Amino acid sequence: MVKIHGFAYIFIGLFVSFMSWQLNYEKLIFFFYAGWAFVLFGFLKMMAALIKNYEDRKRSAHEIRQKNAAHQHQAYSHHAQRQTQHYKRCPRCGNVQRAHDRFCSHCGFRTI
């Protein structure tokens, strides 16, 4: 089904109203007001389309932000996981040290 743009309703409404006013206003008064109803409907249709477009853009921007946040969380989790693989704690004092260190740099305790 083809959707009719709001401008078409406005143009047709103005044309019908103008022609009914020019030809015989007393006999064609119904068409005069029907034309203005078309104009009003056209404006309402255009406003609804603008609101829908704004909401769609707002929703897509929100989805993009969510995807970026999820991606950043994954990258941070991966980075944190990699960091924990390279470091360990001293069993005596709890000092953080590199995984390949044999002795604690703080208390000198030998770590295996």
PDB file of N, CA and C in Angstrom:
ATOM      1  N   MET A   1       0.840  -1.171   0.000  1.00  0.00           N
ATOM      2  CA  MET A   1       0.000   0.000   0.000  1.00  0.00           C
ATOM      3  C   MET A   1       0.893   1.244   0.000  1.00  0.00           C
ATOM      4  N   VAL A   2       0.544   2.206  -0.789  1.00  0.00           N
ATOM      5  CA  VAL A   2       1.320   3.422  -0.925  1.00  0.00           C
ATOM      6  C   VAL A   2       0.895   4.410   0.154  1.00  0.00           C
ATOM      7  N   LYS A   3       1.871   4.992   0.836  1.00  0.00           N
ATOM      8  CA  LYS A   3       1.576   6.003   1.837  1.00  0.00           C
ATOM      9  C   LYS A   3       1.585   7.376   1.179  1.00  0.00           C
ATOM     10  N   ILE A   4       0.582   8.182   1.498  1.00  0.00           N
ATOM     11  CA  ILE A   4       0.474   9.520   0.928  1.00  0.00           C
ATOM     12  C   ILE A   4       1.121  10.507   1.892  1.00  0.00           C
ATOM     13  N   HIS A   5       1.974  11.345   1.370  1.00  0.00           N
ATOM     14  CA  HIS A   5       2.695  12.320   2.176  1.00  0.00           C
ATOM     15  C   HIS A   5       1.743  13.426   2.621  1.00  0.00           C
ATOM     16  N   GLY A   6       2.068  14.064   3.731  1.00  0.00           N
ATOM     17  CA  GLY A   6       1.235  15.138   4.279  1.00  0.00           C
ATOM     18  C   GLY A   6       1.093  16.317   3.342  1.00  0.00           C
ATOM     19  N   PHE A   7       2.142  16.603   2.550  1.00  0.00           N
ATOM     20  CA  PHE A   7       2.054  17.706   1.593  1.00  0.00           C
ATOM     21  C   PHE A   7       0.955  17.474   0.560  1.00  0.00           C
ATOM     22  N   ALA A   8       0.749  16.223   0.175  1.00  0.00           N
ATOM     23  CA  ALA A   8      -0.301  15.924  -0.799  1.00  0.00           C
ATOM     24  C   ALA A   8      -1.667  16.262  -0.215  1.00  0.00           C
ATOM     25  N   TYR A   9      -1.908  15.893   1.050  1.00  0.00           N
ATOM     26  CA  TYR A   9      -3.180  16.229   1.693  1.00  0.00           C
ATOM     27  C   TYR A   9      -3.358  17.742   1.782  1.00  0.00           C
ATOM     28  N   ILE A  10      -2.300  18.460   2.112  1.00  0.00           N
ATOM     29  CA  ILE A  10      -2.383  19.914   2.226  1.00  0.00           C
ATOM     30  C   ILE A  10      -2.684  20.537   0.877  1.00  0.00           C
ATOM     31  N   PHE A  11      -1.968  20.103  -0.144  1.00  0.00           N
ATOM     32  CA  PHE A  11      -2.181  20.655  -1.493  1.00  0.00           C
ATOM     33  C   PHE A  11      -3.600  20.380  -1.983  1.00  0.00           C
ATOM     34  N   ILE A  12      -4.054  19.143  -1.844  1.00  0.00           N
ATOM     35  CA  ILE A  12      -5.400  18.786  -2.304  1.00  0.00           C
ATOM     36  C   ILE A  12      -6.449  19.556  -1.499  1.00  0.00           C
ATOM     37  N   GLY A  13      -6.263  19.653  -0.194  1.00  0.00           N
ATOM     38  CA  GLY A  13      -7.217  20.384   0.638  1.00  0.00           C
ATOM     39  C   GLY A  13      -7.305  21.847   0.257  1.00  0.00           C
ATOM     40  N   LEU A  14      -6.158  22.482   0.040  1.00  0.00           N
ATOM     41  CA  LEU A  14      -6.174  23.881  -0.377  1.00  0.00           C
ATOM     42  C   LEU A  14      -6.828  24.050  -1.744  1.00  0.00           C
ATOM     43  N   PHE A  15      -6.556  23.144  -2.657  1.00  0.00           N
ATOM     44  CA  PHE A  15      -7.155  23.215  -3.990  1.00  0.00           C
ATOM     45  C   PHE A  15      -8.673  23.083  -3.917  1.00  0.00           C
ATOM     46  N   VAL A  16      -9.167  22.102  -3.169  1.00  0.00           N
ATOM     47  CA  VAL A  16     -10.616  21.879  -3.055  1.00  0.00           C
ATOM     48  C   VAL A  16     -11.284  23.080  -2.384  1.00  0.00           C
ATOM     49  N   SER A  17     -10.687  23.586  -1.324  1.00  0.00           N
ATOM     50  CA  SER A  17     -11.266  24.742  -0.631  1.00  0.00           C
ATOM     51  C   SER A  17     -11.301  25.965  -1.531  1.00  0.00           C
ATOM     52  N   PHE A  18     -10.205  26.229  -2.224  1.00  0.00           N
ATOM     53  CA  PHE A  18     -10.154  27.388  -3.106  1.00  0.00           C
ATOM     54  C   PHE A  18     -11.152  27.276  -4.252  1.00  0.00           C
ATOM     55  N   MET A  19     -11.230  26.093  -4.881  1.00  0.00           N
ATOM     56  CA  MET A  19     -12.144  25.922  -6.014  1.00  0.00           C
ATOM     57  C   MET A  19     -13.613  26.007  -5.574  1.00  0.00           C
ATOM     58  N   SER A  20     -13.937  25.420  -4.403  1.00  0.00           N
ATOM     59  CA  SER A  20     -15.322  25.502  -3.945  1.00  0.00           C
ATOM     60  C   SER A  20     -15.681  26.943  -3.556  1.00  0.00           C
ATOM     61  N   TRP A  21     -14.734  27.689  -3.062  1.00  0.00           N
ATOM     62  CA  TRP A  21     -14.979  29.085  -2.718  1.00  0.00           C
ATOM     63  C   TRP A  21     -15.160  29.930  -3.985  1.00  0.00           C
ATOM     64  N   GLN A  22     -14.355  29.645  -5.031  1.00  0.00           N
ATOM     65  CA  GLN A  22     -14.428  30.412  -6.275  1.00  0.00           C
ATOM     66  C   GLN A  22     -15.678  30.084  -7.099  1.00  0.00           C
ATOM     67  N   LEU A  23     -16.058  28.810  -7.150  1.00  0.00           N
ATOM     68  CA  LEU A  23     -17.166  28.413  -8.019  1.00  0.00           C
ATOM     69  C   LEU A  23     -18.524  28.835  -7.451  1.00  0.00           C
ATOM     70  N   ASN A  24     -18.876  28.293  -6.296  1.00  0.00           N
ATOM     71  CA  ASN A  24     -20.154  28.635  -5.701  1.00  0.00           C
ATOM     72  C   ASN A  24     -20.084  28.263  -4.223  1.00  0.00           C
ATOM     73  N   TYR A  25     -19.742  29.228  -3.411  1.00  0.00           N
ATOM     74  CA  TYR A  25     -19.491  28.967  -1.993  1.00  0.00           C
ATOM     75  C   TYR A  25     -20.736  28.438  -1.287  1.00  0.00           C
ATOM     76  N   GLU A  26     -21.931  28.987  -1.593  1.00  0.00           N
ATOM     77  CA  GLU A  26     -23.148  28.576  -0.892  1.00  0.00           C
ATOM     78  C   GLU A  26     -23.503  27.121  -1.173  1.00  0.00           C
ATOM     79  N   LYS A  27     -23.330  26.662  -2.398  1.00  0.00           N
ATOM     80  CA  LYS A  27     -23.689  25.287  -2.754  1.00  0.00           C
ATOM     81  C   LYS A  27     -22.564  24.290  -2.429  1.00  0.00           C
ATOM     82  N   LEU A  28     -21.344  24.770  -2.404  1.00  0.00           N
ATOM     83  CA  LEU A  28     -20.195  23.883  -2.189  1.00  0.00           C
ATOM     84  C   LEU A  28     -19.523  24.105  -0.832  1.00  0.00           C
ATOM     85  N   ILE A  29     -20.291  24.557   0.153  1.00  0.00           N
ATOM     86  CA  ILE A  29     -19.721  24.857   1.466  1.00  0.00           C
ATOM     87  C   ILE A  29     -19.148  23.596   2.124  1.00  0.00           C
ATOM     88  N   PHE A  30     -19.797  22.457   1.890  1.00  0.00           N
ATOM     89  CA  PHE A  30     -19.280  21.196   2.447  1.00  0.00           C
ATOM     90  C   PHE A  30     -17.870  20.920   1.935  1.00  0.00           C
ATOM     91  N   PHE A  31     -17.640  21.128   0.639  1.00  0.00           N
ATOM     92  CA  PHE A  31     -16.324  20.872   0.057  1.00  0.00           C
ATOM     93  C   PHE A  31     -15.281  21.887   0.545  1.00  0.00           C
ATOM     94  N   PHE A  32     -15.760  23.123   0.815  1.00  0.00           N
ATOM     95  CA  PHE A  32     -14.856  24.126   1.356  1.00  0.00           C
ATOM     96  C   PHE A  32     -14.284  23.657   2.699  1.00  0.00           C
ATOM     97  N   TYR A  33     -15.161  23.217   3.590  1.00  0.00           N
ATOM     98  CA  TYR A  33     -14.702  22.756   4.902  1.00  0.00           C
ATOM     99  C   TYR A  33     -14.016  21.393   4.836  1.00  0.00           C
ATOM    100  N   ALA A  34     -14.420  20.552   3.912  1.00  0.00           N
ATOM    101  CA  ALA A  34     -13.742  19.265   3.734  1.00  0.00           C
ATOM    102  C   ALA A  34     -12.291  19.492   3.286  1.00  0.00           C
ATOM    103  N   GLY A  35     -12.090  20.500   2.441  1.00  0.00           N
ATOM    104  CA  GLY A  35     -10.734  20.850   2.021  1.00  0.00           C
ATOM    105  C   GLY A  35      -9.879  21.290   3.195  1.00  0.00           C
ATOM    106  N   TRP A  36     -10.439  22.095   4.081  1.00  0.00           N
ATOM    107  CA  TRP A  36      -9.694  22.523   5.267  1.00  0.00           C
ATOM    108  C   TRP A  36      -9.442  21.359   6.218  1.00  0.00           C
ATOM    109  N   ALA A  37     -10.354  20.398   6.241  1.00  0.00           N
ATOM    110  CA  ALA A  37     -10.116  19.196   7.042  1.00  0.00           C
ATOM    111  C   ALA A  37      -8.917  18.427   6.481  1.00  0.00           C
ATOM    112  N   PHE A  38      -8.804  18.369   5.152  1.00  0.00           N
ATOM    113  CA  PHE A  38      -7.649  17.722   4.515  1.00  0.00           C
ATOM    114  C   PHE A  38      -6.359  18.461   4.875  1.00  0.00           C
ATOM    115  N   VAL A  39      -6.418  19.790   4.888  1.00  0.00           N
ATOM    116  CA  VAL A  39      -5.236  20.571   5.243  1.00  0.00           C
ATOM    117  C   VAL A  39      -4.814  20.261   6.683  1.00  0.00           C
ATOM    118  N   LEU A  40      -5.778  20.242   7.596  1.00  0.00           N
ATOM    119  CA  LEU A  40      -5.480  19.930   8.991  1.00  0.00           C
ATOM    120  C   LEU A  40      -4.908  18.518   9.128  1.00  0.00           C
ATOM    121  N   PHE A  41      -5.517  17.563   8.424  1.00  0.00           N
ATOM    122  CA  PHE A  41      -5.030  16.188   8.470  1.00  0.00           C
ATOM    123  C   PHE A  41      -3.608  16.097   7.928  1.00  0.00           C
ATOM    124  N   GLY A  42      -3.311  16.826   6.871  1.00  0.00           N
ATOM    125  CA  GLY A  42      -1.965  16.835   6.304  1.00  0.00           C
ATOM    126  C   GLY A  42      -0.933  17.362   7.289  1.00  0.00           C
ATOM    127  N   PHE A  43      -1.284  18.453   7.990  1.00  0.00           N
ATOM    128  CA  PHE A  43      -0.370  18.996   9.000  1.00  0.00           C
ATOM    129  C   PHE A  43      -0.161  17.995  10.139  1.00  0.00           C
ATOM    130  N   LEU A  44      -1.243  17.370  10.599  1.00  0.00           N
ATOM    131  CA  LEU A  44      -1.117  16.385  11.671  1.00  0.00           C
ATOM    132  C   LEU A  44      -0.269  15.195  11.242  1.00  0.00           C
ATOM    133  N   LYS A  45      -0.445  14.766   9.998  1.00  0.00           N
ATOM    134  CA  LYS A  45       0.337  13.638   9.486  1.00  0.00           C
ATOM    135  C   LYS A  45       1.820  14.001   9.419  1.00  0.00           C
ATOM    136  N   MET A  46       2.124  15.218   8.993  1.00  0.00           N
ATOM    137  CA  MET A  46       3.526  15.639   8.917  1.00  0.00           C
ATOM    138  C   MET A  46       4.138  15.753  10.310  1.00  0.00           C
ATOM    139  N   MET A  47       3.383  16.255  11.272  1.00  0.00           N
ATOM    140  CA  MET A  47       3.889  16.364  12.635  1.00  0.00           C
ATOM    141  C   MET A  47       4.132  14.974  13.231  1.00  0.00           C
ATOM    142  N   ALA A  48       3.225  14.038  12.979  1.00  0.00           N
ATOM    143  CA  ALA A  48       3.406  12.673  13.481  1.00  0.00           C
ATOM    144  C   ALA A  48       4.649  12.032  12.869  1.00  0.00           C
ATOM    145  N   ALA A  49       4.897  12.292  11.589  1.00  0.00           N
ATOM    146  CA  ALA A  49       6.086  11.742  10.930  1.00  0.00           C
ATOM    147  C   ALA A  49       7.362  12.341  11.532  1.00  0.00           C
ATOM    148  N   LEU A  50       7.332  13.639  11.831  1.00  0.00           N
ATOM    149  CA  LEU A  50       8.499  14.277  12.447  1.00  0.00           C
ATOM    150  C   LEU A  50       8.764  13.707  13.837  1.00  0.00           C
ATOM    151  N   ILE A  51       7.713  13.516  14.615  1.00  0.00           N
ATOM    152  CA  ILE A  51       7.876  12.956  15.962  1.00  0.00           C
ATOM    153  C   ILE A  51       8.411  11.535  15.882  1.00  0.00           C
ATOM    154  N   LYS A  52       7.866  10.734  14.967  1.00  0.00           N
ATOM    155  CA  LYS A  52       8.322   9.354  14.807  1.00  0.00           C
ATOM    156  C   LYS A  52       9.788   9.320  14.386  1.00  0.00           C
ATOM    157  N   ASN A  53      10.163  10.190  13.465  1.00  0.00           N
ATOM    158  CA  ASN A  53      11.557  10.254  13.016  1.00  0.00           C
ATOM    159  C   ASN A  53      12.481  10.643  14.168  1.00  0.00           C
ATOM    160  N   TYR A  54      12.057  11.596  14.984  1.00  0.00           N
ATOM    161  CA  TYR A  54      12.861  12.019  16.141  1.00  0.00           C
ATOM    162  C   TYR A  54      13.020  10.866  17.130  1.00  0.00           C
ATOM    163  N   GLU A  55      11.927  10.139  17.414  1.00  0.00           N
ATOM    164  CA  GLU A  55      12.001   9.024  18.354  1.00  0.00           C
ATOM    165  C   GLU A  55      12.864   7.889  17.808  1.00  0.00           C
ATOM    166  N   ASP A  56      12.773   7.638  16.489  1.00  0.00           N
ATOM    167  CA  ASP A  56      13.606   6.596  15.889  1.00  0.00           C
ATOM    168  C   ASP A  56      15.084   6.947  16.004  1.00  0.00           C
ATOM    169  N   ARG A  57      15.422   8.217  15.740  1.00  0.00           N
ATOM    170  CA  ARG A  57      16.818   8.626  15.849  1.00  0.00           C
ATOM    171  C   ARG A  57      17.301   8.563  17.291  1.00  0.00           C
ATOM    172  N   LYS A  58      16.420   8.948  18.212  1.00  0.00           N
ATOM    173  CA  LYS A  58      16.779   8.891  19.622  1.00  0.00           C
ATOM    174  C   LYS A  58      16.978   7.442  20.063  1.00  0.00           C
ATOM    175  N   ARG A  59      16.108   6.532  19.610  1.00  0.00           N
ATOM    176  CA  ARG A  59      16.227   5.121  19.963  1.00  0.00           C
ATOM    177  C   ARG A  59      17.490   4.523  19.359  1.00  0.00           C
ATOM    178  N   SER A  60      17.788   4.851  18.103  1.00  0.00           N
ATOM    179  CA  SER A  60      18.987   4.285  17.479  1.00  0.00           C
ATOM    180  C   SER A  60      20.255   4.830  18.142  1.00  0.00           C
ATOM    181  N   ALA A  61      20.240   6.088  18.565  1.00  0.00           N
ATOM    182  CA  ALA A  61      21.396   6.639  19.271  1.00  0.00           C
ATOM    183  C   ALA A  61      21.576   5.930  20.612  1.00  0.00           C
ATOM    184  N   HIS A  62      20.466   5.634  21.293  1.00  0.00           N
ATOM    185  CA  HIS A  62      20.533   4.913  22.562  1.00  0.00           C
ATOM    186  C   HIS A  62      21.086   3.505  22.346  1.00  0.00           C
ATOM    187  N   GLU A  63      20.642   2.832  21.279  1.00  0.00           N
ATOM    188  CA  GLU A  63      21.142   1.485  20.986  1.00  0.00           C
ATOM    189  C   GLU A  63      22.630   1.519  20.673  1.00  0.00           C
ATOM    190  N   ILE A  64      23.080   2.534  19.961  1.00  0.00           N
ATOM    191  CA  ILE A  64      24.508   2.660  19.644  1.00  0.00           C
ATOM    192  C   ILE A  64      25.304   2.859  20.927  1.00  0.00           C
ATOM    193  N   ARG A  65      24.791   3.720  21.843  1.00  0.00           N
ATOM    194  CA  ARG A  65      25.482   3.916  23.115  1.00  0.00           C
ATOM    195  C   ARG A  65      25.545   2.626  23.917  1.00  0.00           C
ATOM    196  N   GLN A  66      24.453   1.842  23.899  1.00  0.00           N
ATOM    197  CA  GLN A  66      24.461   0.573  24.626  1.00  0.00           C
ATOM    198  C   GLN A  66      25.485  -0.392  24.039  1.00  0.00           C
ATOM    199  N   LYS A  67      25.552  -0.466  22.713  1.00  0.00           N
ATOM    200  CA  LYS A  67      26.527  -1.345  22.072  1.00  0.00           C
ATOM    201  C   LYS A  67      27.950  -0.912  22.407  1.00  0.00           C
ATOM    202  N   ASN A  68      28.199   0.401  22.385  1.00  0.00           N
ATOM    203  CA  ASN A  68      29.535   0.893  22.718  1.00  0.00           C
ATOM    204  C   ASN A  68      29.890   0.593  24.167  1.00  0.00           C
ATOM    205  N   ALA A  69      28.919   0.756  25.063  1.00  0.00           N
ATOM    206  CA  ALA A  69      29.177   0.471  26.475  1.00  0.00           C
ATOM    207  C   ALA A  69      29.459  -1.012  26.672  1.00  0.00           C
ATOM    208  N   ALA A  70      28.711  -1.883  25.991  1.00  0.00           N
ATOM    209  CA  ALA A  70      28.947  -3.326  26.099  1.00  0.00           C
ATOM    210  C   ALA A  70      30.329  -3.684  25.557  1.00  0.00           C
ATOM    211  N   HIS A  71      30.704  -3.055  24.442  1.00  0.00           N
ATOM    212  CA  HIS A  71      32.018  -3.310  23.851  1.00  0.00           C
ATOM    213  C   HIS A  71      33.122  -2.843  24.797  1.00  0.00           C
ATOM    214  N   GLN A  72      32.946  -1.671  25.413  1.00  0.00           N
ATOM    215  CA  GLN A  72      33.950  -1.175  26.346  1.00  0.00           C
ATOM    216  C   GLN A  72      34.044  -2.080  27.567  1.00  0.00           C
ATOM    217  N   HIS A  73      32.898  -2.584  28.032  1.00  0.00           N
ATOM    218  CA  HIS A  73      32.910  -3.493  29.175  1.00  0.00           C
ATOM    219  C   HIS A  73      33.657  -4.778  28.836  1.00  0.00           C
ATOM    220  N   GLN A  74      33.421  -5.307  27.625  1.00  0.00           N
ATOM    221  CA  GLN A  74      34.139  -6.514  27.200  1.00  0.00           C
ATOM    222  C   GLN A  74      35.635  -6.242  27.125  1.00  0.00           C
ATOM    223  N   ALA A  75      36.007  -5.102  26.560  1.00  0.00           N
ATOM    224  CA  ALA A  75      37.431  -4.770  26.445  1.00  0.00           C
ATOM    225  C   ALA A  75      38.053  -4.607  27.822  1.00  0.00           C
ATOM    226  N   TYR A  76      37.333  -3.962  28.743  1.00  0.00           N
ATOM    227  CA  TYR A  76      37.853  -3.794  30.099  1.00  0.00           C
ATOM    228  C   TYR A  76      37.979  -5.145  30.797  1.00  0.00           C
ATOM    229  N   SER A  77      36.972  -6.012  30.638  1.00  0.00           N
ATOM    230  CA  SER A  77      37.026  -7.342  31.261  1.00  0.00           C
ATOM    231  C   SER A  77      38.200  -8.139  30.720  1.00  0.00           C
ATOM    232  N   HIS A  78      38.394  -8.069  29.406  1.00  0.00           N
ATOM    233  CA  HIS A  78      39.508  -8.781  28.793  1.00  0.00           C
ATOM    234  C   HIS A  78      40.832  -8.234  29.306  1.00  0.00           C
ATOM    235  N   HIS A  79      40.929  -6.904  29.408  1.00  0.00           N
ATOM    236  CA  HIS A  79      42.157  -6.274  29.900  1.00  0.00           C
ATOM    237  C   HIS A  79      42.399  -6.655  31.359  1.00  0.00           C
ATOM    238  N   ALA A  80      41.342  -6.637  32.179  1.00  0.00           N
ATOM    239  CA  ALA A  80      41.489  -7.002  33.596  1.00  0.00           C
ATOM    240  C   ALA A  80      41.894  -8.466  33.730  1.00  0.00           C
ATOM    241  N   GLN A  81      41.329  -9.310  32.881  1.00  0.00           N
ATOM    242  CA  GLN A  81      41.684 -10.733  32.925  1.00  0.00           C
ATOM    243  C   GLN A  81      43.151 -10.915  32.553  1.00  0.00           C
ATOM    244  N   ARG A  82      43.604 -10.182  31.554  1.00  0.00           N
ATOM    245  CA  ARG A  82      45.006 -10.279  31.153  1.00  0.00           C
ATOM    246  C   ARG A  82      45.915  -9.765  32.258  1.00  0.00           C
ATOM    247  N   GLN A  83      45.483  -8.714  32.964  1.00  0.00           N
ATOM    248  CA  GLN A  83      46.307  -8.188  34.044  1.00  0.00           C
ATOM    249  C   GLN A  83      46.428  -9.180  35.184  1.00  0.00           C
ATOM    250  N   THR A  84      45.347  -9.863  35.528  1.00  0.00           N
ATOM    251  CA  THR A  84      45.417 -10.821  36.632  1.00  0.00           C
ATOM    252  C   THR A  84      46.310 -11.998  36.284  1.00  0.00           C
ATOM    253  N   GLN A  85      46.480 -12.295  35.021  1.00  0.00           N
ATOM    254  CA  GLN A  85      47.363 -13.379  34.626  1.00  0.00           C
ATOM    255  C   GLN A  85      48.825 -12.993  34.791  1.00  0.00           C
ATOM    256  N   HIS A  86      49.142 -11.703  34.798  1.00  0.00           N
ATOM    257  CA  HIS A  86      50.529 -11.251  34.867  1.00  0.00           C
ATOM    258  C   HIS A  86      50.968 -10.870  36.281  1.00  0.00           C
ATOM    259  N   TYR A  87      50.053 -10.860  37.220  1.00  0.00           N
ATOM    260  CA  TYR A  87      50.388 -10.449  38.577  1.00  0.00           C
ATOM    261  C   TYR A  87      49.917 -11.489  39.590  1.00  0.00           C
ATOM    262  N   LYS A  88      50.564 -11.467  40.767  1.00  0.00           N
ATOM    263  CA  LYS A  88      50.144 -12.326  41.880  1.00  0.00           C
ATOM    264  C   LYS A  88      50.410 -11.573  43.165  1.00  0.00           C
ATOM    265  N   ARG A  89      49.887 -12.102  44.275  1.00  0.00           N
ATOM    266  CA  ARG A  89      50.064 -11.474  45.582  1.00  0.00           C
ATOM    267  C   ARG A  89      50.999 -12.325  46.442  1.00  0.00           C
ATOM    268  N   CYS A  90      51.736 -11.637  47.271  1.00  0.00           N
ATOM    269  CA  CYS A  90      52.620 -12.315  48.221  1.00  0.00           C
ATOM    270  C   CYS A  90      51.753 -12.977  49.293  1.00  0.00           C
ATOM    271  N   PRO A  91      52.019 -14.258  49.619  1.00  0.00           N
ATOM    272  CA  PRO A  91      51.215 -14.923  50.641  1.00  0.00           C
ATOM    273  C   PRO A  91      51.434 -14.362  52.048  1.00  0.00           C
ATOM    274  N   ARG A  92      52.549 -13.726  52.304  1.00  0.00           N
ATOM    275  CA  ARG A  92      52.834 -13.195  53.638  1.00  0.00           C
ATOM    276  C   ARG A  92      52.256 -11.784  53.828  1.00  0.00           C
ATOM    277  N   CYS A  93      52.621 -10.853  52.959  1.00  0.00           N
ATOM    278  CA  CYS A  93      52.218  -9.451  53.163  1.00  0.00           C
ATOM    279  C   CYS A  93      51.098  -8.994  52.226  1.00  0.00           C
ATOM    280  N   GLY A  94      50.805  -9.739  51.177  1.00  0.00           N
ATOM    281  CA  GLY A  94      49.734  -9.371  50.251  1.00  0.00           C
ATOM    282  C   GLY A  94      50.146  -8.352  49.205  1.00  0.00           C
ATOM    283  N   ASN A  95      51.417  -8.063  49.104  1.00  0.00           N
ATOM    284  CA  ASN A  95      51.907  -7.115  48.121  1.00  0.00           C
ATOM    285  C   ASN A  95      51.710  -7.673  46.705  1.00  0.00           C
ATOM    286  N   VAL A  96      51.326  -6.805  45.774  1.00  0.00           N
ATOM    287  CA  VAL A  96      51.152  -7.223  44.385  1.00  0.00           C
ATOM    288  C   VAL A  96      52.514  -7.271  43.722  1.00  0.00           C
ATOM    289  N   GLN A  97      52.781  -8.364  43.013  1.00  0.00           N
ATOM    290  CA  GLN A  97      54.054  -8.521  42.315  1.00  0.00           C
ATOM    291  C   GLN A  97      53.824  -9.229  40.994  1.00  0.00           C
ATOM    292  N   ARG A  98      54.806  -9.156  40.147  1.00  0.00           N
ATOM    293  CA  ARG A  98      54.710  -9.806  38.844  1.00  0.00           C
ATOM    294  C   ARG A  98      54.709 -11.318  38.999  1.00  0.00           C
ATOM    295  N   ALA A  99      54.100 -11.996  38.050  1.00  0.00           N
ATOM    296  CA  ALA A  99      53.933 -13.445  38.138  1.00  0.00           C
ATOM    297  C   ALA A  99      55.277 -14.178  38.107  1.00  0.00           C
ATOM    298  N   HIS A 100      56.263 -13.654  37.440  1.00  0.00           N
ATOM    299  CA  HIS A 100      57.540 -14.367  37.318  1.00  0.00           C
ATOM    300  C   HIS A 100      58.533 -14.022  38.437  1.00  0.00           C
ATOM    301  N   ASP A 101      58.168 -13.114  39.371  1.00  0.00           N
ATOM    302  CA  ASP A 101      59.066 -12.798  40.498  1.00  0.00           C
ATOM    303  C   ASP A 101      59.138 -13.984  41.454  1.00  0.00           C
ATOM    304  N   ARG A 102      60.353 -14.268  41.972  1.00  0.00           N
ATOM    305  CA  ARG A 102      60.543 -15.384  42.903  1.00  0.00           C
ATOM    306  C   ARG A 102      60.491 -14.913  44.352  1.00  0.00           C
ATOM    307  N   PHE A 103      60.798 -13.632  44.591  1.00  0.00           N
ATOM    308  CA  PHE A 103      60.804 -13.082  45.933  1.00  0.00           C
ATOM    309  C   PHE A 103      59.936 -11.829  45.957  1.00  0.00           C
ATOM    310  N   CYS A 104      59.297 -11.597  47.098  1.00  0.00           N
ATOM    311  CA  CYS A 104      58.465 -10.401  47.274  1.00  0.00           C
ATOM    312  C   CYS A 104      59.365  -9.175  47.385  1.00  0.00           C
ATOM    313  N   SER A 105      59.049  -8.142  46.685  1.00  0.00           N
ATOM    314  CA  SER A 105      59.864  -6.927  46.714  1.00  0.00           C
ATOM    315  C   SER A 105      59.622  -6.114  47.986  1.00  0.00           C
ATOM    316  N   HIS A 106      58.575  -6.429  48.734  1.00  0.00           N
ATOM    317  CA  HIS A 106      58.268  -5.675  49.953  1.00  0.00           C
ATOM    318  C   HIS A 106      58.850  -6.345  51.210  1.00  0.00           C
ATOM    319  N   CYS A 107      58.589  -7.663  51.365  1.00  0.00           N
ATOM    320  CA  CYS A 107      59.039  -8.350  52.594  1.00  0.00           C
ATOM    321  C   CYS A 107      60.140  -9.362  52.342  1.00  0.00           C
ATOM    322  N   GLY A 108      60.434  -9.703  51.093  1.00  0.00           N
ATOM    323  CA  GLY A 108      61.502 -10.628  50.761  1.00  0.00           C
ATOM    324  C   GLY A 108      61.128 -12.080  50.874  1.00  0.00           C
ATOM    325  N   PHE A 109      59.848 -12.369  51.140  1.00  0.00           N
ATOM    326  CA  PHE A 109      59.412 -13.753  51.261  1.00  0.00           C
ATOM    327  C   PHE A 109      59.497 -14.441  49.914  1.00  0.00           C
ATOM    328  N   ARG A 110      59.943 -15.703  49.904  1.00  0.00           N
ATOM    329  CA  ARG A 110      60.079 -16.443  48.655  1.00  0.00           C
ATOM    330  C   ARG A 110      58.699 -16.962  48.233  1.00  0.00           C
ATOM    331  N   THR A 111      58.299 -16.616  47.039  1.00  0.00           N
ATOM    332  CA  THR A 111      57.025 -17.088  46.473  1.00  0.00           C
ATOM    333  C   THR A 111      57.310 -18.113  45.414  1.00  0.00           C
ATOM    334  N   ILE A 112      56.487 -19.089  45.357  1.00  0.00           N
ATOM    335  CA  ILE A 112      56.719 -20.183  44.386  1.00  0.00           C
ATOM    336  C   ILE A 112      55.811 -20.031  43.195  1.00  0.00           C
TER     337      ILE A 112
END
